[in-house]
N, C-alpha and C. Protein backbone atom coordinates (compact mmCIF):
# COMPACT_ATOMS: atom_id res chain seq x y z
N MET A 1 55.49 -20.33 -35.93
CA MET A 1 55.88 -21.40 -36.81
C MET A 1 56.98 -20.95 -37.77
N ASN A 2 56.92 -19.69 -38.20
CA ASN A 2 57.96 -19.19 -39.10
C ASN A 2 59.31 -19.11 -38.41
N ALA A 3 59.30 -18.94 -37.09
CA ALA A 3 60.56 -18.85 -36.36
C ALA A 3 61.31 -20.18 -36.38
N LEU A 4 60.56 -21.28 -36.41
CA LEU A 4 61.20 -22.59 -36.45
C LEU A 4 61.98 -22.81 -37.73
N VAL A 5 61.58 -22.17 -38.79
CA VAL A 5 62.28 -22.30 -40.06
C VAL A 5 63.71 -21.76 -39.93
N PHE A 6 63.89 -20.76 -39.09
CA PHE A 6 65.21 -20.18 -38.88
C PHE A 6 65.94 -20.79 -37.69
N LEU A 7 65.20 -21.12 -36.63
CA LEU A 7 65.84 -21.60 -35.41
C LEU A 7 66.38 -23.02 -35.53
N VAL A 8 65.67 -23.90 -36.18
CA VAL A 8 66.13 -25.29 -36.30
C VAL A 8 67.43 -25.38 -37.11
N PRO A 9 67.52 -24.76 -38.30
CA PRO A 9 68.81 -24.80 -39.00
C PRO A 9 69.93 -24.08 -38.24
N ALA A 10 69.59 -23.01 -37.53
CA ALA A 10 70.61 -22.30 -36.75
C ALA A 10 71.12 -23.19 -35.63
N ALA A 11 70.24 -23.92 -34.97
CA ALA A 11 70.66 -24.83 -33.90
C ALA A 11 71.50 -25.96 -34.45
N LEU A 12 71.11 -26.50 -35.58
CA LEU A 12 71.91 -27.58 -36.20
C LEU A 12 73.28 -27.07 -36.63
N ALA A 13 73.33 -25.86 -37.18
CA ALA A 13 74.61 -25.30 -37.61
C ALA A 13 75.52 -25.06 -36.41
N LEU A 14 74.98 -24.53 -35.33
CA LEU A 14 75.80 -24.29 -34.13
C LEU A 14 76.27 -25.62 -33.52
N GLY A 15 75.42 -26.63 -33.54
CA GLY A 15 75.82 -27.95 -33.04
C GLY A 15 76.94 -28.55 -33.86
N LEU A 16 76.82 -28.43 -35.18
CA LEU A 16 77.89 -28.94 -36.04
C LEU A 16 79.18 -28.15 -35.88
N LEU A 17 79.05 -26.85 -35.67
CA LEU A 17 80.24 -26.03 -35.44
C LEU A 17 80.93 -26.43 -34.13
N GLY A 18 80.16 -26.68 -33.09
CA GLY A 18 80.74 -27.15 -31.83
C GLY A 18 81.39 -28.51 -31.97
N LEU A 19 80.74 -29.41 -32.71
CA LEU A 19 81.31 -30.73 -32.93
C LEU A 19 82.60 -30.64 -33.73
N ALA A 20 82.62 -29.77 -34.74
CA ALA A 20 83.85 -29.59 -35.53
C ALA A 20 84.97 -29.03 -34.67
N GLY A 21 84.65 -28.09 -33.78
CA GLY A 21 85.66 -27.54 -32.88
C GLY A 21 86.20 -28.59 -31.93
N PHE A 22 85.33 -29.44 -31.41
CA PHE A 22 85.76 -30.51 -30.52
C PHE A 22 86.64 -31.52 -31.25
N LEU A 23 86.25 -31.89 -32.46
CA LEU A 23 87.06 -32.84 -33.23
C LEU A 23 88.41 -32.23 -33.60
N TRP A 24 88.43 -30.93 -33.89
CA TRP A 24 89.70 -30.26 -34.17
C TRP A 24 90.60 -30.30 -32.93
N ALA A 25 90.02 -30.06 -31.75
CA ALA A 25 90.82 -30.10 -30.52
C ALA A 25 91.37 -31.50 -30.26
N LEU A 26 90.59 -32.51 -30.56
CA LEU A 26 91.11 -33.87 -30.42
C LEU A 26 92.25 -34.13 -31.39
N LYS A 27 92.09 -33.68 -32.63
CA LYS A 27 93.13 -33.89 -33.64
C LYS A 27 94.39 -33.10 -33.31
N ALA A 28 94.24 -31.93 -32.69
CA ALA A 28 95.39 -31.10 -32.32
C ALA A 28 96.01 -31.55 -31.00
N ARG A 29 95.52 -32.66 -30.45
CA ARG A 29 96.07 -33.27 -29.23
C ARG A 29 96.00 -32.34 -28.03
N GLN A 30 94.88 -31.64 -27.87
CA GLN A 30 94.71 -30.72 -26.76
C GLN A 30 94.41 -31.44 -25.44
N TYR A 31 93.94 -32.68 -25.50
CA TYR A 31 93.51 -33.39 -24.31
C TYR A 31 94.47 -34.51 -23.91
N ASP A 32 95.69 -34.50 -24.40
CA ASP A 32 96.59 -35.61 -24.15
C ASP A 32 97.17 -35.64 -22.73
N ASP A 33 97.60 -34.51 -22.21
CA ASP A 33 98.30 -34.49 -20.93
C ASP A 33 97.41 -33.86 -19.86
N LEU A 34 96.49 -34.64 -19.31
CA LEU A 34 95.58 -34.10 -18.31
C LEU A 34 96.22 -34.01 -16.93
N ASP A 35 97.19 -34.87 -16.64
CA ASP A 35 97.80 -34.88 -15.31
C ASP A 35 99.02 -33.98 -15.23
N GLY A 36 99.58 -33.58 -16.34
CA GLY A 36 100.81 -32.78 -16.33
C GLY A 36 100.61 -31.42 -15.68
N ALA A 37 99.58 -30.71 -16.04
CA ALA A 37 99.34 -29.38 -15.47
C ALA A 37 98.97 -29.49 -14.00
N ALA A 38 98.26 -30.53 -13.63
CA ALA A 38 97.86 -30.71 -12.23
C ALA A 38 99.07 -30.99 -11.34
N SER A 39 100.03 -31.75 -11.82
CA SER A 39 101.20 -32.06 -11.00
C SER A 39 102.27 -30.97 -11.09
N ARG A 40 102.28 -30.21 -12.18
CA ARG A 40 103.28 -29.16 -12.33
C ARG A 40 103.09 -28.04 -11.31
N ILE A 41 101.87 -27.83 -10.86
CA ILE A 41 101.60 -26.77 -9.90
C ILE A 41 102.20 -27.09 -8.53
N LEU A 42 102.46 -28.37 -8.27
CA LEU A 42 102.96 -28.77 -6.96
C LEU A 42 104.45 -28.58 -6.79
N PHE A 43 105.19 -28.42 -7.87
CA PHE A 43 106.63 -28.34 -7.79
C PHE A 43 107.12 -26.94 -8.12
N ASP A 44 108.15 -26.51 -7.40
CA ASP A 44 108.75 -25.21 -7.66
C ASP A 44 109.57 -25.28 -8.94
N ASP A 45 109.67 -24.13 -9.59
CA ASP A 45 110.53 -24.04 -10.75
C ASP A 45 111.99 -24.07 -10.31
N LEU A 46 112.85 -24.54 -11.17
CA LEU A 46 114.28 -24.53 -10.87
C LEU A 46 114.77 -23.07 -10.88
N PRO A 47 115.65 -22.73 -9.96
CA PRO A 47 116.15 -21.34 -9.95
C PRO A 47 116.97 -21.05 -11.20
N ARG A 48 116.81 -19.87 -11.71
CA ARG A 48 117.56 -19.46 -12.91
C ARG A 48 118.95 -19.02 -12.51
N LYS A 49 119.91 -19.34 -13.36
CA LYS A 49 121.27 -18.89 -13.13
C LYS A 49 121.39 -17.49 -13.72
N GLU A 50 121.87 -16.57 -12.89
CA GLU A 50 122.01 -15.19 -13.35
C GLU A 50 123.32 -15.04 -14.13
N LYS A 51 123.23 -14.26 -15.20
CA LYS A 51 124.44 -13.97 -15.99
C LYS A 51 125.24 -12.90 -15.28
N THR A 52 126.54 -13.10 -15.21
CA THR A 52 127.39 -12.08 -14.57
C THR A 52 128.30 -11.43 -15.57
């Protein structure tokens, strides 16, 4: 029973920390371009021009 005194607040704190991290990622626009990385892998990069 004494363990619950520590485990319940620890679980709530970790849950709130995860929620805060997720909300920060949304605010930082981390999830905006979901298709860009998937389609970028299909195309070759343009060749670089070498300096002479």
